[in-house]
PDB file of N, CA and C in Angstrom:
ATOM      1  N   MET A   1      90.997   2.116 -56.923  1.00  0.00           N
ATOM      2  CA  MET A   1      90.611   0.710 -57.420  1.00  0.00           C
ATOM      3  C   MET A   1      91.872  -0.207 -57.572  1.00  0.00           C
ATOM      4  N   LYS A   2      91.979  -1.029 -56.867  1.00  0.00           N
ATOM      5  CA  LYS A   2      93.302  -2.052 -57.032  1.00  0.00           C
ATOM      6  C   LYS A   2      93.156  -2.832 -58.488  1.00  0.00           C
ATOM      7  N   TYR A   3      94.097  -2.798 -59.169  1.00  0.00           N
ATOM      8  CA  TYR A   3      94.178  -3.682 -60.386  1.00  0.00           C
ATOM      9  C   TYR A   3      94.572  -5.101 -60.102  1.00  0.00           C
ATOM     10  N   GLU A   4      94.129  -6.210 -61.009  1.00  0.00           N
ATOM     11  CA  GLU A   4      94.440  -7.450 -60.835  1.00  0.00           C
ATOM     12  C   GLU A   4      95.038  -7.821 -62.136  1.00  0.00           C
ATOM     13  N   ARG A   5      95.624  -9.115 -61.856  1.00  0.00           N
ATOM     14  CA  ARG A   5      96.130  -9.966 -63.202  1.00  0.00           C
ATOM     15  C   ARG A   5      95.269 -10.029 -64.297  1.00  0.00           C
ATOM     16  N   GLY A   6      95.631  -9.607 -65.386  1.00  0.00           N
ATOM     17  CA  GLY A   6      94.612  -9.651 -66.586  1.00  0.00           C
ATOM     18  C   GLY A   6      93.980  -8.166 -66.787  1.00  0.00           C
ATOM     19  N   ASP A   7      94.036  -7.316 -65.964  1.00  0.00           N
ATOM     20  CA  ASP A   7      93.520  -6.098 -66.272  1.00  0.00           C
ATOM     21  C   ASP A   7      94.188  -5.338 -67.454  1.00  0.00           C
ATOM     22  N   VAL A   8      93.469  -4.689 -68.019  1.00  0.00           N
ATOM     23  CA  VAL A   8      94.183  -3.964 -69.319  1.00  0.00           C
ATOM     24  C   VAL A   8      93.872  -2.647 -68.917  1.00  0.00           C
ATOM     25  N   VAL A   9      95.007  -1.855 -68.860  1.00  0.00           N
ATOM     26  CA  VAL A   9      94.961  -0.247 -68.473  1.00  0.00           C
ATOM     27  C   VAL A   9      95.729   0.216 -69.534  1.00  0.00           C
ATOM     28  N   GLU A  10      95.609   1.767 -69.152  1.00  0.00           N
ATOM     29  CA  GLU A  10      96.210   2.608 -70.065  1.00  0.00           C
ATOM     30  C   GLU A  10      97.184   3.582 -69.083  1.00  0.00           C
ATOM     31  N   ALA A  11      98.396   3.614 -69.653  1.00  0.00           N
ATOM     32  CA  ALA A  11      99.570   4.314 -68.843  1.00  0.00           C
ATOM     33  C   ALA A  11     100.316   5.137 -69.733  1.00  0.00           C
ATOM     34  N   GLY A  12     101.191   5.771 -69.113  1.00  0.00           N
ATOM     35  CA  GLY A  12     102.272   6.771 -69.835  1.00  0.00           C
ATOM     36  C   GLY A  12     103.168   5.683 -70.837  1.00  0.00           C
ATOM     37  N   ASP A  13     103.440   6.032 -71.916  1.00  0.00           N
ATOM     38  CA  ASP A  13     104.306   5.040 -72.852  1.00  0.00           C
ATOM     39  C   ASP A  13     105.851   5.519 -72.762  1.00  0.00           C
ATOM     40  N   PRO A  14     106.680   4.481 -71.971  1.00  0.00           N
ATOM     41  CA  PRO A  14     107.981   4.617 -72.074  1.00  0.00           C
ATOM     42  C   PRO A  14     108.760   4.289 -73.231  1.00  0.00           C
ATOM     43  N   PHE A  15     107.900   3.564 -74.246  1.00  0.00           N
ATOM     44  CA  PHE A  15     108.810   3.287 -75.471  1.00  0.00           C
ATOM     45  C   PHE A  15     108.554   4.155 -76.764  1.00  0.00           C
ATOM     46  N   ASN A  16     107.836   5.177 -76.812  1.00  0.00           N
ATOM     47  CA  ASN A  16     107.525   5.968 -77.890  1.00  0.00           C
ATOM     48  C   ASN A  16     107.294   7.441 -77.452  1.00  0.00           C
ATOM     49  N   GLU A  17     108.146   8.294 -77.880  1.00  0.00           N
ATOM     50  CA  GLU A  17     108.031   9.784 -77.313  1.00  0.00           C
ATOM     51  C   GLU A  17     106.842  10.335 -78.236  1.00  0.00           C
ATOM     52  N   GLU A  18     106.454   9.792 -79.245  1.00  0.00           N
ATOM     53  CA  GLU A  18     105.376  10.256 -80.047  1.00  0.00           C
ATOM     54  C   GLU A  18     103.815  10.192 -79.332  1.00  0.00           C
ATOM     55  N   LYS A  19     103.765   9.114 -78.703  1.00  0.00           N
ATOM     56  CA  LYS A  19     102.367   8.735 -78.155  1.00  0.00           C
ATOM     57  C   LYS A  19     102.765   8.962 -76.505  1.00  0.00           C
ATOM     58  N   THR A  20     101.536   9.580 -75.965  1.00  0.00           N
ATOM     59  CA  THR A  20     101.399  10.004 -74.641  1.00  0.00           C
ATOM     60  C   THR A  20     100.939   8.883 -73.657  1.00  0.00           C
ATOM     61  N   SER A  21     100.378   7.644 -74.366  1.00  0.00           N
ATOM     62  CA  SER A  21      99.974   6.620 -73.575  1.00  0.00           C
ATOM     63  C   SER A  21      99.704   5.361 -74.227  1.00  0.00           C
ATOM     64  N   ARG A  22      99.530   4.434 -73.910  1.00  0.00           N
ATOM     65  CA  ARG A  22      99.183   3.130 -74.584  1.00  0.00           C
ATOM     66  C   ARG A  22      98.800   2.042 -73.437  1.00  0.00           C
ATOM     67  N   PRO A  23      98.156   0.982 -74.112  1.00  0.00           N
ATOM     68  CA  PRO A  23      97.582  -0.184 -73.249  1.00  0.00           C
ATOM     69  C   PRO A  23      98.710  -1.063 -72.891  1.00  0.00           C
ATOM     70  N   PHE A  24      98.363  -1.503 -71.476  1.00  0.00           N
ATOM     71  CA  PHE A  24      99.260  -2.481 -70.750  1.00  0.00           C
ATOM     72  C   PHE A  24      98.368  -3.446 -70.075  1.00  0.00           C
ATOM     73  N   VAL A  25      99.045  -4.658 -70.069  1.00  0.00           N
ATOM     74  CA  VAL A  25      98.176  -5.693 -69.219  1.00  0.00           C
ATOM     75  C   VAL A  25      99.120  -6.088 -68.004  1.00  0.00           C
ATOM     76  N   ILE A  26      98.094  -6.174 -66.840  1.00  0.00           N
ATOM     77  CA  ILE A  26      98.830  -6.573 -65.741  1.00  0.00           C
ATOM     78  C   ILE A  26      99.090  -7.880 -65.397  1.00  0.00           C
ATOM     79  N   LEU A  27     100.554  -8.297 -65.289  1.00  0.00           N
ATOM     80  CA  LEU A  27     100.878  -9.704 -65.236  1.00  0.00           C
ATOM     81  C   LEU A  27     100.705 -10.299 -63.625  1.00  0.00           C
ATOM     82  N   ASN A  28     101.246  -9.492 -62.890  1.00  0.00           N
ATOM     83  CA  ASN A  28     101.688  -9.834 -61.474  1.00  0.00           C
ATOM     84  C   ASN A  28     100.405 -10.451 -60.681  1.00  0.00           C
ATOM     85  N   THR A  29     100.477 -11.280 -59.802  1.00  0.00           N
ATOM     86  CA  THR A  29      99.544 -11.657 -58.819  1.00  0.00           C
ATOM     87  C   THR A  29      99.665 -10.714 -57.414  1.00  0.00           C
ATOM     88  N   ASP A  30      98.849 -11.269 -56.610  1.00  0.00           N
ATOM     89  CA  ASP A  30      98.924 -10.499 -55.324  1.00  0.00           C
ATOM     90  C   ASP A  30      99.974 -11.003 -54.361  1.00  0.00           C
ATOM     91  N   ALA A  31     100.735 -11.808 -54.967  1.00  0.00           N
ATOM     92  CA  ALA A  31     102.124 -12.210 -54.343  1.00  0.00           C
ATOM     93  C   ALA A  31     103.083 -11.020 -54.456  1.00  0.00           C
ATOM     94  N   HIS A  32     103.032 -10.296 -55.474  1.00  0.00           N
ATOM     95  CA  HIS A  32     103.774  -9.166 -55.688  1.00  0.00           C
ATOM     96  C   HIS A  32     103.843  -8.228 -54.304  1.00  0.00           C
ATOM     97  N   PRO A  33     105.187  -7.898 -54.096  1.00  0.00           N
ATOM     98  CA  PRO A  33     105.599  -7.353 -52.789  1.00  0.00           C
ATOM     99  C   PRO A  33     104.809  -5.868 -52.679  1.00  0.00           C
ATOM    100  N   PHE A  34     104.861  -5.311 -53.826  1.00  0.00           N
ATOM    101  CA  PHE A  34     103.976  -4.079 -53.675  1.00  0.00           C
ATOM    102  C   PHE A  34     102.784  -4.005 -54.388  1.00  0.00           C
ATOM    103  N   ASP A  35     102.014  -5.156 -54.461  1.00  0.00           N
ATOM    104  CA  ASP A  35     100.622  -5.180 -55.207  1.00  0.00           C
ATOM    105  C   ASP A  35      99.783  -4.188 -54.793  1.00  0.00           C
ATOM    106  N   GLY A  36      99.164  -3.459 -55.702  1.00  0.00           N
ATOM    107  CA  GLY A  36      98.176  -2.502 -55.569  1.00  0.00           C
ATOM    108  C   GLY A  36      98.941  -1.261 -55.272  1.00  0.00           C
ATOM    109  N   GLU A  37     100.107  -0.922 -55.251  1.00  0.00           N
ATOM    110  CA  GLU A  37     100.791   0.182 -55.322  1.00  0.00           C
ATOM    111  C   GLU A  37     101.697   0.166 -56.576  1.00  0.00           C
ATOM    112  N   GLN A  38     102.065  -1.001 -57.136  1.00  0.00           N
ATOM    113  CA  GLN A  38     103.200  -1.164 -58.286  1.00  0.00           C
ATOM    114  C   GLN A  38     102.858  -2.450 -59.009  1.00  0.00           C
ATOM    115  N   TYR A  39     102.681  -2.553 -60.251  1.00  0.00           N
ATOM    116  CA  TYR A  39     102.446  -3.706 -61.040  1.00  0.00           C
ATOM    117  C   TYR A  39     103.509  -3.980 -62.061  1.00  0.00           C
ATOM    118  N   VAL A  40     103.731  -5.187 -62.105  1.00  0.00           N
ATOM    119  CA  VAL A  40     104.425  -5.836 -63.367  1.00  0.00           C
ATOM    120  C   VAL A  40     103.601  -5.867 -64.622  1.00  0.00           C
ATOM    121  N   ALA A  41     103.693  -5.319 -65.645  1.00  0.00           N
ATOM    122  CA  ALA A  41     103.142  -5.262 -66.822  1.00  0.00           C
ATOM    123  C   ALA A  41     103.947  -5.324 -68.098  1.00  0.00           C
ATOM    124  N   VAL A  42     103.243  -5.666 -69.153  1.00  0.00           N
ATOM    125  CA  VAL A  42     103.513  -6.042 -70.529  1.00  0.00           C
ATOM    126  C   VAL A  42     102.646  -4.800 -71.560  1.00  0.00           C
ATOM    127  N   THR A  43     103.339  -4.393 -72.558  1.00  0.00           N
ATOM    128  CA  THR A  43     102.682  -3.293 -73.317  1.00  0.00           C
ATOM    129  C   THR A  43     102.071  -4.139 -74.363  1.00  0.00           C
ATOM    130  N   PHE A  44     100.945  -3.689 -75.163  1.00  0.00           N
ATOM    131  CA  PHE A  44     100.240  -3.892 -76.258  1.00  0.00           C
ATOM    132  C   PHE A  44     100.762  -3.455 -77.379  1.00  0.00           C
ATOM    133  N   THR A  45     100.816  -3.980 -78.485  1.00  0.00           N
ATOM    134  CA  THR A  45     101.001  -3.258 -79.945  1.00  0.00           C
ATOM    135  C   THR A  45      99.948  -3.622 -80.868  1.00  0.00           C
ATOM    136  N   THR A  46      99.772  -2.776 -81.864  1.00  0.00           N
ATOM    137  CA  THR A  46      98.930  -3.215 -82.818  1.00  0.00           C
ATOM    138  C   THR A  46      99.760  -3.512 -84.226  1.00  0.00           C
ATOM    139  N   GLN A  47     100.960  -3.330 -84.066  1.00  0.00           N
ATOM    140  CA  GLN A  47     102.164  -3.975 -85.104  1.00  0.00           C
ATOM    141  C   GLN A  47     101.908  -5.374 -85.417  1.00  0.00           C
ATOM    142  N   THR A  48     102.213  -5.794 -86.523  1.00  0.00           N
ATOM    143  CA  THR A  48     101.919  -6.947 -86.757  1.00  0.00           C
ATOM    144  C   THR A  48     103.268  -7.685 -87.214  1.00  0.00           C
ATOM    145  N   TRP A  49     104.394  -7.014 -87.506  1.00  0.00           N
ATOM    146  CA  TRP A  49     105.791  -7.499 -87.952  1.00  0.00           C
ATOM    147  C   TRP A  49     106.451  -8.254 -86.995  1.00  0.00           C
ATOM    148  N   TYR A  50     106.092  -8.022 -85.525  1.00  0.00           N
ATOM    149  CA  TYR A  50     106.887  -8.923 -84.482  1.00  0.00           C
ATOM    150  C   TYR A  50     106.580 -10.330 -84.620  1.00  0.00           C
ATOM    151  N   ASP A  51     107.532 -11.172 -84.680  1.00  0.00           N
ATOM    152  CA  ASP A  51     107.232 -12.681 -84.566  1.00  0.00           C
ATOM    153  C   ASP A  51     106.783 -13.018 -83.339  1.00  0.00           C
ATOM    154  N   GLU A  52     106.999 -12.538 -82.246  1.00  0.00           N
ATOM    155  CA  GLU A  52     106.945 -13.284 -81.175  1.00  0.00           C
ATOM    156  C   GLU A  52     105.810 -12.576 -80.120  1.00  0.00           C
ATOM    157  N   THR A  53     104.989 -11.773 -80.850  1.00  0.00           N
ATOM    158  CA  THR A  53     104.066 -11.219 -80.140  1.00  0.00           C
ATOM    159  C   THR A  53     102.958 -12.075 -79.824  1.00  0.00           C
ATOM    160  N   ILE A  54     102.097 -11.905 -79.043  1.00  0.00           N
ATOM    161  CA  ILE A  54     100.941 -12.912 -78.487  1.00  0.00           C
ATOM    162  C   ILE A  54      99.855 -12.164 -78.744  1.00  0.00           C
ATOM    163  N   PRO A  55      98.808 -12.841 -79.867  1.00  0.00           N
ATOM    164  CA  PRO A  55      97.563 -12.138 -80.247  1.00  0.00           C
ATOM    165  C   PRO A  55      96.604 -12.087 -79.104  1.00  0.00           C
ATOM    166  N   VAL A  56      95.874 -10.984 -79.001  1.00  0.00           N
ATOM    167  CA  VAL A  56      94.750 -10.904 -77.961  1.00  0.00           C
ATOM    168  C   VAL A  56      93.352 -10.880 -78.781  1.00  0.00           C
ATOM    169  N   THR A  57      92.617 -11.574 -78.898  1.00  0.00           N
ATOM    170  CA  THR A  57      91.341 -11.348 -79.715  1.00  0.00           C
ATOM    171  C   THR A  57      89.969 -10.812 -78.752  1.00  0.00           C
ATOM    172  N   ASN A  58      88.928 -10.541 -79.273  1.00  0.00           N
ATOM    173  CA  ASN A  58      87.865 -10.094 -78.506  1.00  0.00           C
ATOM    174  C   ASN A  58      87.337 -11.203 -77.630  1.00  0.00           C
ATOM    175  N   ASP A  59      87.575 -12.424 -78.111  1.00  0.00           N
ATOM    176  CA  ASP A  59      87.177 -13.420 -77.486  1.00  0.00           C
ATOM    177  C   ASP A  59      87.766 -13.568 -76.011  1.00  0.00           C
ATOM    178  N   ASP A  60      89.183 -13.270 -75.880  1.00  0.00           N
ATOM    179  CA  ASP A  60      89.918 -13.158 -74.820  1.00  0.00           C
ATOM    180  C   ASP A  60      89.536 -12.247 -73.720  1.00  0.00           C
ATOM    181  N   PHE A  61      88.682 -11.307 -74.043  1.00  0.00           N
ATOM    182  CA  PHE A  61      88.345 -10.246 -73.140  1.00  0.00           C
ATOM    183  C   PHE A  61      87.235 -10.931 -72.275  1.00  0.00           C
ATOM    184  N   LEU A  62      87.331 -10.812 -71.012  1.00  0.00           N
ATOM    185  CA  LEU A  62      86.194 -11.273 -70.115  1.00  0.00           C
ATOM    186  C   LEU A  62      85.223  -9.976 -69.868  1.00  0.00           C
ATOM    187  N   GLU A  63      85.913  -8.862 -69.954  1.00  0.00           N
ATOM    188  CA  GLU A  63      85.176  -7.689 -69.848  1.00  0.00           C
ATOM    189  C   GLU A  63      85.859  -6.497 -70.782  1.00  0.00           C
ATOM    190  N   GLY A  64      85.236  -5.469 -71.208  1.00  0.00           N
ATOM    191  CA  GLY A  64      85.815  -4.561 -71.891  1.00  0.00           C
ATOM    192  C   GLY A  64      86.322  -5.063 -73.114  1.00  0.00           C
ATOM    193  N   GLY A  65      87.430  -4.348 -73.548  1.00  0.00           N
ATOM    194  CA  GLY A  65      87.848  -4.472 -74.854  1.00  0.00           C
ATOM    195  C   GLY A  65      88.855  -3.422 -75.281  1.00  0.00           C
ATOM    196  N   LEU A  66      89.640  -3.415 -76.617  1.00  0.00           N
ATOM    197  CA  LEU A  66      90.327  -2.637 -77.053  1.00  0.00           C
ATOM    198  C   LEU A  66      89.846  -2.266 -78.427  1.00  0.00           C
ATOM    199  N   PRO A  67      89.905  -0.957 -79.268  1.00  0.00           N
ATOM    200  CA  PRO A  67      89.382  -0.773 -80.335  1.00  0.00           C
ATOM    201  C   PRO A  67      89.989  -1.290 -81.334  1.00  0.00           C
ATOM    202  N   LYS A  68      91.198  -1.812 -81.604  1.00  0.00           N
ATOM    203  CA  LYS A  68      92.072  -2.528 -82.705  1.00  0.00           C
ATOM    204  C   LYS A  68      92.419  -3.840 -82.168  1.00  0.00           C
ATOM    205  N   GLN A  69      92.622  -4.897 -83.291  1.00  0.00           N
ATOM    206  CA  GLN A  69      93.310  -5.881 -83.056  1.00  0.00           C
ATOM    207  C   GLN A  69      94.717  -5.752 -82.351  1.00  0.00           C
ATOM    208  N   SER A  70      95.097  -6.335 -81.358  1.00  0.00           N
ATOM    209  CA  SER A  70      96.182  -6.164 -80.515  1.00  0.00           C
ATOM    210  C   SER A  70      96.932  -7.389 -80.212  1.00  0.00           C
ATOM    211  N   PHE A  71      98.130  -6.948 -79.860  1.00  0.00           N
ATOM    212  CA  PHE A  71      99.119  -8.161 -79.451  1.00  0.00           C
ATOM    213  C   PHE A  71      99.963  -7.849 -78.279  1.00  0.00           C
ATOM    214  N   LEU A  72     100.175  -8.724 -77.274  1.00  0.00           N
ATOM    215  CA  LEU A  72     100.939  -8.716 -76.245  1.00  0.00           C
ATOM    216  C   LEU A  72     102.286  -8.796 -76.575  1.00  0.00           C
ATOM    217  N   VAL A  73     103.262  -7.825 -76.126  1.00  0.00           N
ATOM    218  CA  VAL A  73     104.595  -7.823 -76.353  1.00  0.00           C
ATOM    219  C   VAL A  73     105.569  -8.491 -75.109  1.00  0.00           C
ATOM    220  N   PRO A  74     105.890  -9.698 -75.241  1.00  0.00           N
ATOM    221  CA  PRO A  74     106.633 -10.349 -73.925  1.00  0.00           C
ATOM    222  C   PRO A  74     107.715  -9.676 -73.417  1.00  0.00           C
ATOM    223  N   TRP A  75     108.512  -8.994 -74.301  1.00  0.00           N
ATOM    224  CA  TRP A  75     109.618  -8.117 -74.063  1.00  0.00           C
ATOM    225  C   TRP A  75     109.574  -6.805 -73.727  1.00  0.00           C
ATOM    226  N   GLY A  76     108.236  -6.316 -73.841  1.00  0.00           N
ATOM    227  CA  GLY A  76     107.871  -4.955 -73.499  1.00  0.00           C
ATOM    228  C   GLY A  76     107.502  -4.835 -71.982  1.00  0.00           C
ATOM    229  N   VAL A  77     108.196  -5.249 -71.108  1.00  0.00           N
ATOM    230  CA  VAL A  77     107.932  -5.310 -69.586  1.00  0.00           C
ATOM    231  C   VAL A  77     108.172  -3.899 -69.017  1.00  0.00           C
ATOM    232  N   VAL A  78     107.248  -3.405 -67.944  1.00  0.00           N
ATOM    233  CA  VAL A  78     107.427  -2.301 -67.250  1.00  0.00           C
ATOM    234  C   VAL A  78     107.020  -2.503 -65.859  1.00  0.00           C
ATOM    235  N   SER A  79     107.343  -1.570 -65.034  1.00  0.00           N
ATOM    236  CA  SER A  79     106.813  -1.642 -63.638  1.00  0.00           C
ATOM    237  C   SER A  79     105.931  -0.295 -63.536  1.00  0.00           C
ATOM    238  N   LEU A  80     104.666  -0.647 -63.516  1.00  0.00           N
ATOM    239  CA  LEU A  80     103.770   0.547 -63.505  1.00  0.00           C
ATOM    240  C   LEU A  80     103.272   0.984 -62.114  1.00  0.00           C
ATOM    241  N   PRO A  81     103.714   2.180 -61.563  1.00  0.00           N
ATOM    242  CA  PRO A  81     103.014   2.715 -60.470  1.00  0.00           C
ATOM    243  C   PRO A  81     101.567   2.586 -60.650  1.00  0.00           C
ATOM    244  N   HIS A  82     100.776   2.452 -59.553  1.00  0.00           N
ATOM    245  CA  HIS A  82      99.527   2.583 -59.447  1.00  0.00           C
ATOM    246  C   HIS A  82      99.157   3.966 -59.935  1.00  0.00           C
ATOM    247  N   SER A  83      99.726   4.926 -59.431  1.00  0.00           N
ATOM    248  CA  SER A  83      99.410   6.313 -60.057  1.00  0.00           C
ATOM    249  C   SER A  83      99.389   6.651 -61.317  1.00  0.00           C
ATOM    250  N   ASP A  84     100.434   6.062 -61.975  1.00  0.00           N
ATOM    251  CA  ASP A  84     100.549   6.328 -63.383  1.00  0.00           C
ATOM    252  C   ASP A  84      99.262   5.641 -64.277  1.00  0.00           C
ATOM    253  N   ILE A  85      98.489   4.899 -63.777  1.00  0.00           N
ATOM    254  CA  ILE A  85      97.451   4.238 -64.678  1.00  0.00           C
ATOM    255  C   ILE A  85      96.257   5.055 -64.589  1.00  0.00           C
ATOM    256  N   ARG A  86      95.853   5.677 -65.890  1.00  0.00           N
ATOM    257  CA  ARG A  86      95.015   6.427 -66.266  1.00  0.00           C
ATOM    258  C   ARG A  86      93.521   5.872 -66.651  1.00  0.00           C
ATOM    259  N   GLU A  87      93.511   4.836 -67.230  1.00  0.00           N
ATOM    260  CA  GLU A  87      92.264   4.096 -67.416  1.00  0.00           C
ATOM    261  C   GLU A  87      92.280   2.650 -67.655  1.00  0.00           C
ATOM    262  N   TRP A  88      90.976   2.124 -67.166  1.00  0.00           N
ATOM    263  CA  TRP A  88      90.896   0.702 -67.224  1.00  0.00           C
ATOM    264  C   TRP A  88      90.145   0.194 -68.396  1.00  0.00           C
ATOM    265  N   PHE A  89      90.593  -0.658 -69.340  1.00  0.00           N
ATOM    266  CA  PHE A  89      89.614  -0.916 -70.599  1.00  0.00           C
ATOM    267  C   PHE A  89      89.228  -2.224 -70.465  1.00  0.00           C
ATOM    268  N   GLY A  90      89.499  -3.197 -69.462  1.00  0.00           N
ATOM    269  CA  GLY A  90      88.897  -4.421 -69.440  1.00  0.00           C
ATOM    270  C   GLY A  90      89.707  -5.360 -68.751  1.00  0.00           C
ATOM    271  N   ARG A  91      89.310  -6.679 -68.926  1.00  0.00           N
ATOM    272  CA  ARG A  91      90.151  -7.855 -68.449  1.00  0.00           C
ATOM    273  C   ARG A  91      90.196  -8.986 -69.343  1.00  0.00           C
ATOM    274  N   ILE A  92      91.588  -9.549 -69.281  1.00  0.00           N
ATOM    275  CA  ILE A  92      91.569 -10.842 -70.381  1.00  0.00           C
ATOM    276  C   ILE A  92      91.752 -11.994 -69.716  1.00  0.00           C
ATOM    277  N   ASP A  93      91.423 -13.168 -70.313  1.00  0.00           N
ATOM    278  CA  ASP A  93      91.684 -14.410 -69.588  1.00  0.00           C
ATOM    279  C   ASP A  93      93.127 -14.855 -69.454  1.00  0.00           C
ATOM    280  N   SER A  94      93.372 -16.051 -68.844  1.00  0.00           N
ATOM    281  CA  SER A  94      94.635 -16.345 -68.302  1.00  0.00           C
ATOM    282  C   SER A  94      95.392 -16.947 -69.807  1.00  0.00           C
ATOM    283  N   GLY A  95      94.620 -17.323 -70.763  1.00  0.00           N
ATOM    284  CA  GLY A  95      95.669 -17.769 -71.828  1.00  0.00           C
ATOM    285  C   GLY A  95      96.551 -16.973 -72.593  1.00  0.00           C
ATOM    286  N   PRO A  96      96.312 -15.862 -72.957  1.00  0.00           N
ATOM    287  CA  PRO A  96      97.267 -15.071 -73.346  1.00  0.00           C
ATOM    288  C   PRO A  96      98.358 -14.484 -72.290  1.00  0.00           C
ATOM    289  N   LEU A  97      97.820 -14.509 -71.120  1.00  0.00           N
ATOM    290  CA  LEU A  97      98.806 -14.012 -70.170  1.00  0.00           C
ATOM    291  C   LEU A  97      99.502 -15.158 -69.738  1.00  0.00           C
ATOM    292  N   ASP A  98      99.523 -16.463 -69.526  1.00  0.00           N
ATOM    293  CA  ASP A  98     100.375 -17.572 -69.422  1.00  0.00           C
ATOM    294  C   ASP A  98     101.133 -17.473 -70.399  1.00  0.00           C
ATOM    295  N   GLU A  99     100.674 -17.352 -71.817  1.00  0.00           N
ATOM    296  CA  GLU A  99     101.585 -17.571 -72.970  1.00  0.00           C
ATOM    297  C   GLU A  99     102.734 -16.500 -72.942  1.00  0.00           C
ATOM    298  N   THR A 100     102.314 -15.381 -72.516  1.00  0.00           N
ATOM    299  CA  THR A 100     103.247 -14.059 -72.512  1.00  0.00           C
ATOM    300  C   THR A 100     104.119 -14.277 -71.345  1.00  0.00           C
ATOM    301  N   VAL A 101     104.002 -14.813 -70.105  1.00  0.00           N
ATOM    302  CA  VAL A 101     104.779 -15.136 -69.175  1.00  0.00           C
ATOM    303  C   VAL A 101     105.746 -16.177 -69.622  1.00  0.00           C
ATOM    304  N   ASP A 102     105.321 -17.246 -70.070  1.00  0.00           N
ATOM    305  CA  ASP A 102     106.162 -18.463 -70.624  1.00  0.00           C
ATOM    306  C   ASP A 102     107.215 -17.794 -71.672  1.00  0.00           C
ATOM    307  N   GLN A 103     106.764 -16.910 -72.667  1.00  0.00           N
ATOM    308  CA  GLN A 103     107.712 -16.757 -73.576  1.00  0.00           C
ATOM    309  C   GLN A 103     108.427 -15.735 -72.935  1.00  0.00           C
ATOM    310  N   LEU A 104     107.974 -14.829 -72.068  1.00  0.00           N
ATOM    311  CA  LEU A 104     109.118 -13.928 -71.377  1.00  0.00           C
ATOM    312  C   LEU A 104     110.175 -14.618 -70.495  1.00  0.00           C
ATOM    313  N   VAL A 105     109.964 -15.825 -69.848  1.00  0.00           N
ATOM    314  CA  VAL A 105     110.919 -16.511 -69.143  1.00  0.00           C
ATOM    315  C   VAL A 105     111.851 -16.997 -69.974  1.00  0.00           C
ATOM    316  N   THR A 106     111.592 -17.178 -71.089  1.00  0.00           N
ATOM    317  CA  THR A 106     112.606 -17.847 -72.123  1.00  0.00           C
ATOM    318  C   THR A 106     113.693 -16.789 -72.538  1.00  0.00           C
ATOM    319  N   TYR A 107     113.446 -15.530 -72.230  1.00  0.00           N
ATOM    320  CA  TYR A 107     114.475 -14.245 -72.516  1.00  0.00           C
ATOM    321  C   TYR A 107     115.103 -14.127 -71.275  1.00  0.00           C
ATOM    322  N   LEU A 108     114.717 -14.775 -69.957  1.00  0.00           N
ATOM    323  CA  LEU A 108     115.431 -14.368 -69.032  1.00  0.00           C
ATOM    324  C   LEU A 108     116.432 -15.384 -68.158  1.00  0.00           C
ATOM    325  N   ARG A 109     116.091 -16.725 -68.766  1.00  0.00           N
ATOM    326  CA  ARG A 109     116.956 -17.937 -68.306  1.00  0.00           C
ATOM    327  C   ARG A 109     118.088 -18.015 -68.946  1.00  0.00           C
ATOM    328  N   ALA A 110     119.169 -18.718 -68.271  1.00  0.00           N
ATOM    329  CA  ALA A 110     120.289 -18.661 -69.040  1.00  0.00           C
ATOM    330  C   ALA A 110     120.661 -20.020 -69.663  1.00  0.00           C
TER     331      ALA A 110
END
């Protein structure tokens, strides 16, 4: 299965040694040079004390969902190999994705 922009997946957690996996959302489009083999993604968190996270509600899910209220972490960028993805949780609409990308770009522009 090839994953698409907006797909919420589970993969290994590079940010937390105590957890073996966490959810991510795929950000890239099929314009990515290695689309289908590698994905640009950001992580979700359930923590509420980060000011610049993007909330994702049940209404944002087009399919599936997550068990807890979750937030996208715009600075939690990873490059996920297809082989590291363990599970598909669903797909979210473009609103939170676009907001996350817009926030991420502010961290990268000089």
